[in-house]
Protein backbone atom coordinates (compact mmCIF):
# COMPACT_ATOMS: atom_id res chain seq x y z
CA UNK A 1 -6.81 -5.80 55.62
CA UNK A 2 -3.29 -6.45 54.41
CA UNK A 3 -4.61 -8.71 51.67
CA UNK A 4 -7.00 -6.02 50.52
CA UNK A 5 -4.23 -3.45 50.39
CA UNK A 6 -1.99 -5.90 48.52
CA UNK A 7 -4.66 -6.70 45.89
CA UNK A 8 -5.54 -3.05 45.35
CA UNK A 9 -1.82 -2.23 44.91
CA UNK A 10 -1.44 -5.14 42.50
CA UNK A 11 -4.53 -4.05 40.54
CA UNK A 12 -3.22 -0.50 40.37
CA UNK A 13 0.18 -1.71 39.10
CA UNK A 14 -1.45 -3.87 36.43
CA UNK A 15 -3.61 -1.01 35.21
CA UNK A 16 -0.73 1.44 35.11
CA UNK A 17 1.64 -0.98 33.42
CA UNK A 18 -1.02 -1.91 30.86
CA UNK A 19 -1.54 1.70 29.85
CA UNK A 20 2.19 2.24 29.47
CA UNK A 21 2.49 -0.57 26.95
CA UNK A 22 -0.17 0.68 24.53
CA UNK A 23 1.76 1.90 21.49
CA UNK A 24 1.00 5.40 20.24
CA UNK A 25 -0.30 5.36 16.66
CA UNK A 26 0.12 8.25 14.28
CA UNK A 27 -3.04 9.22 12.38
CA UNK A 28 -3.37 7.49 9.03
CA UNK A 29 -2.83 9.47 5.85
CA UNK A 30 -6.05 10.74 4.27
CA UNK A 31 -6.22 9.47 0.69
CA UNK A 32 -8.45 12.38 -0.31
CA UNK A 33 -5.67 14.93 0.25
CA UNK A 34 -2.73 12.95 -1.11
CA UNK A 35 -0.61 15.09 -3.45
CA UNK A 36 -1.99 18.46 -2.35
CA UNK A 37 1.21 19.63 -0.66
CA UNK A 38 2.82 20.92 -3.87
CA UNK A 39 -0.27 22.56 -5.39
CA UNK A 40 -1.01 26.26 -5.09
CA UNK A 41 -4.59 26.82 -6.35
CA UNK A 42 -3.97 30.57 -6.69
CA UNK A 43 -1.04 30.07 -9.07
CA UNK A 44 -3.08 29.15 -12.15
CA UNK A 45 -3.04 31.98 -14.72
CA UNK A 46 -6.70 31.54 -15.69
CA UNK A 47 -7.68 32.26 -12.08
CA UNK A 48 -6.08 35.69 -12.21
CA UNK A 49 -9.10 37.04 -14.13
CA UNK A 50 -11.38 38.98 -11.81
CA UNK A 51 -15.00 39.30 -12.91
CA UNK A 52 -16.71 42.51 -11.79
CA UNK A 53 -20.28 43.75 -11.93
CA UNK A 54 -19.59 45.70 -15.12
CA UNK A 55 -21.47 44.38 -18.15
CA UNK A 56 -19.56 42.96 -21.12
CA UNK A 57 -18.62 45.32 -23.95
CA UNK A 58 -21.37 46.04 -26.47
CA UNK A 59 -19.01 45.78 -29.43
CA UNK A 60 -16.89 42.73 -30.04
CA UNK A 61 -13.39 43.28 -31.43
CA UNK A 62 -13.22 43.14 -35.23
CA UNK A 63 -11.26 39.89 -35.23
CA UNK A 64 -14.01 38.19 -33.16
CA UNK A 65 -17.10 39.45 -34.99
CA UNK A 66 -19.48 36.99 -36.59
CA UNK A 67 -21.16 37.21 -39.92
CA UNK A 68 -24.61 38.81 -40.14
CA UNK A 69 -26.43 35.44 -40.04
CA UNK A 70 -24.60 34.30 -36.86
CA UNK A 71 -25.74 37.01 -34.50
CA UNK A 72 -24.67 37.00 -30.85
CA UNK A 73 -26.46 39.47 -28.61
CA UNK A 74 -24.99 40.62 -25.27
CA UNK A 75 -27.40 41.59 -22.50
CA UNK A 76 -26.70 42.89 -19.01
CA UNK A 77 -29.13 40.61 -17.25
CA UNK A 78 -31.66 37.94 -18.18
CA UNK A 79 -34.45 39.90 -16.57
CA UNK A 80 -35.87 42.90 -18.42
CA UNK A 81 -37.96 45.39 -16.46
CA UNK A 82 -40.21 46.74 -19.14
CA UNK A 83 -43.97 47.10 -19.47
CA UNK A 84 -43.79 46.17 -23.14
CA UNK A 85 -41.72 43.03 -22.84
CA UNK A 86 -42.90 39.59 -23.86
CA UNK A 87 -41.87 36.06 -22.95
CA UNK A 88 -39.71 33.81 -25.10
CA UNK A 89 -38.11 30.47 -24.34
CA UNK A 90 -34.39 29.87 -24.78
CA UNK A 91 -32.07 26.98 -24.16
CA UNK A 92 -29.34 27.63 -21.61
CA UNK A 93 -26.49 25.27 -22.32
CA UNK A 94 -23.30 26.84 -20.99
CA UNK A 95 -22.10 29.13 -18.17
CA UNK A 96 -18.62 30.49 -17.48
CA UNK A 97 -16.80 33.27 -15.66
CA UNK A 98 -14.72 34.08 -18.74
CA UNK A 99 -16.20 36.25 -21.54
CA UNK A 100 -13.79 34.94 -24.20
CA UNK A 101 -14.83 31.37 -23.49
CA UNK A 102 -18.52 32.33 -23.66
CA UNK A 103 -17.97 34.03 -27.04
CA UNK A 104 -16.07 31.02 -28.38
CA UNK A 105 -18.81 28.56 -27.35
CA UNK A 106 -21.58 30.84 -28.65
CA UNK A 107 -19.78 31.15 -31.98
CA UNK A 108 -19.38 27.38 -32.29
CA UNK A 109 -23.01 26.61 -31.44
CA UNK A 110 -24.40 29.36 -33.68
CA UNK A 111 -22.56 27.74 -36.59
CA UNK A 112 -24.23 24.39 -35.81
CA UNK A 113 -27.84 25.57 -35.33
CA UNK A 114 -29.81 28.15 -37.26
CA UNK A 115 -30.88 30.15 -34.20
CA UNK A 116 -29.65 33.37 -32.59
CA UNK A 117 -27.18 32.85 -29.76
CA UNK A 118 -27.22 35.13 -26.71
CA UNK A 119 -24.70 35.80 -23.96
CA UNK A 120 -26.42 37.07 -20.82
CA UNK A 121 -24.30 38.44 -17.99
CA UNK A 122 -25.12 38.37 -14.32
CA UNK A 123 -22.10 38.57 -12.03
CA UNK A 124 -20.05 36.49 -11.96
CA UNK A 125 -21.31 34.34 -14.85
CA UNK A 126 -21.79 34.65 -18.58
CA UNK A 127 -24.74 32.46 -19.60
CA UNK A 128 -24.80 31.24 -23.18
CA UNK A 129 -28.32 30.69 -24.49
CA UNK A 130 -29.81 29.94 -27.86
CA UNK A 131 -33.20 30.44 -29.50
CA UNK A 132 -36.22 32.72 -29.56
CA UNK A 133 -39.00 30.15 -29.17
CA UNK A 134 -42.54 31.42 -28.77
CA UNK A 135 -43.86 28.18 -27.21
CA UNK A 136 -42.44 25.72 -24.77
CA UNK A 137 -42.98 22.86 -27.22
CA UNK A 138 -40.84 24.64 -29.80
CA UNK A 139 -38.17 25.12 -27.14
CA UNK A 140 -38.26 21.40 -26.26
CA UNK A 141 -37.48 20.55 -29.89
CA UNK A 142 -34.53 22.95 -29.85
CA UNK A 143 -33.41 21.48 -26.52
CA UNK A 144 -33.20 18.01 -28.08
CA UNK A 145 -31.01 19.31 -30.90
CA UNK A 146 -28.70 21.11 -28.42
CA UNK A 147 -28.37 17.90 -26.40
CA UNK A 148 -27.49 16.01 -29.60
CA UNK A 149 -24.62 18.46 -30.16
CA UNK A 150 -23.20 17.39 -26.79
CA UNK A 151 -24.60 19.78 -24.19
CA UNK A 152 -26.44 17.18 -22.10
CA UNK A 153 -26.78 19.51 -19.08
CA UNK A 154 -28.90 22.11 -20.89
CA UNK A 155 -32.45 23.23 -20.09
CA UNK A 156 -35.27 25.55 -21.16
CA UNK A 157 -35.41 29.01 -19.59
CA UNK A 158 -38.16 31.59 -19.80
CA UNK A 159 -36.88 35.08 -20.65
CA UNK A 160 -38.62 38.45 -20.80
CA UNK A 161 -37.43 40.41 -23.84
CA UNK A 162 -38.15 43.88 -25.10
CA UNK A 163 -39.53 44.21 -28.62
């Protein structure tokens, strides 16, 4: 009985002393968050712009107007609820939260292609689209030319328009 008590005491001492010698390790630094301590994401001036549900202005300022052949049309929403509307195909190639950036991109693309450029607004984005294609095949041809300009992430959208 004494031997049993001695061995159980010895086993208990070994277990307790073994646990005491395990060094405590601090968690390793996460490489994904390195350098984030000094960054305040709300401090960037371009993030101070708040986009609301209000549609963009109908008239562009005089210094930002295009010539008659480079027409940009603002619409409140890509969907038109009209009995007399018809379907056209357009190429959507750019989206942003900033109306000035949308106007700048629309201006640049309208100077490169001979199609009307549209800026559709649905909170919180301004979608820049080009073309008034009657068939999907015609839209696919326009899509290829938009991709050649450099907008690889563009696609064909179907839009209901009023006459």
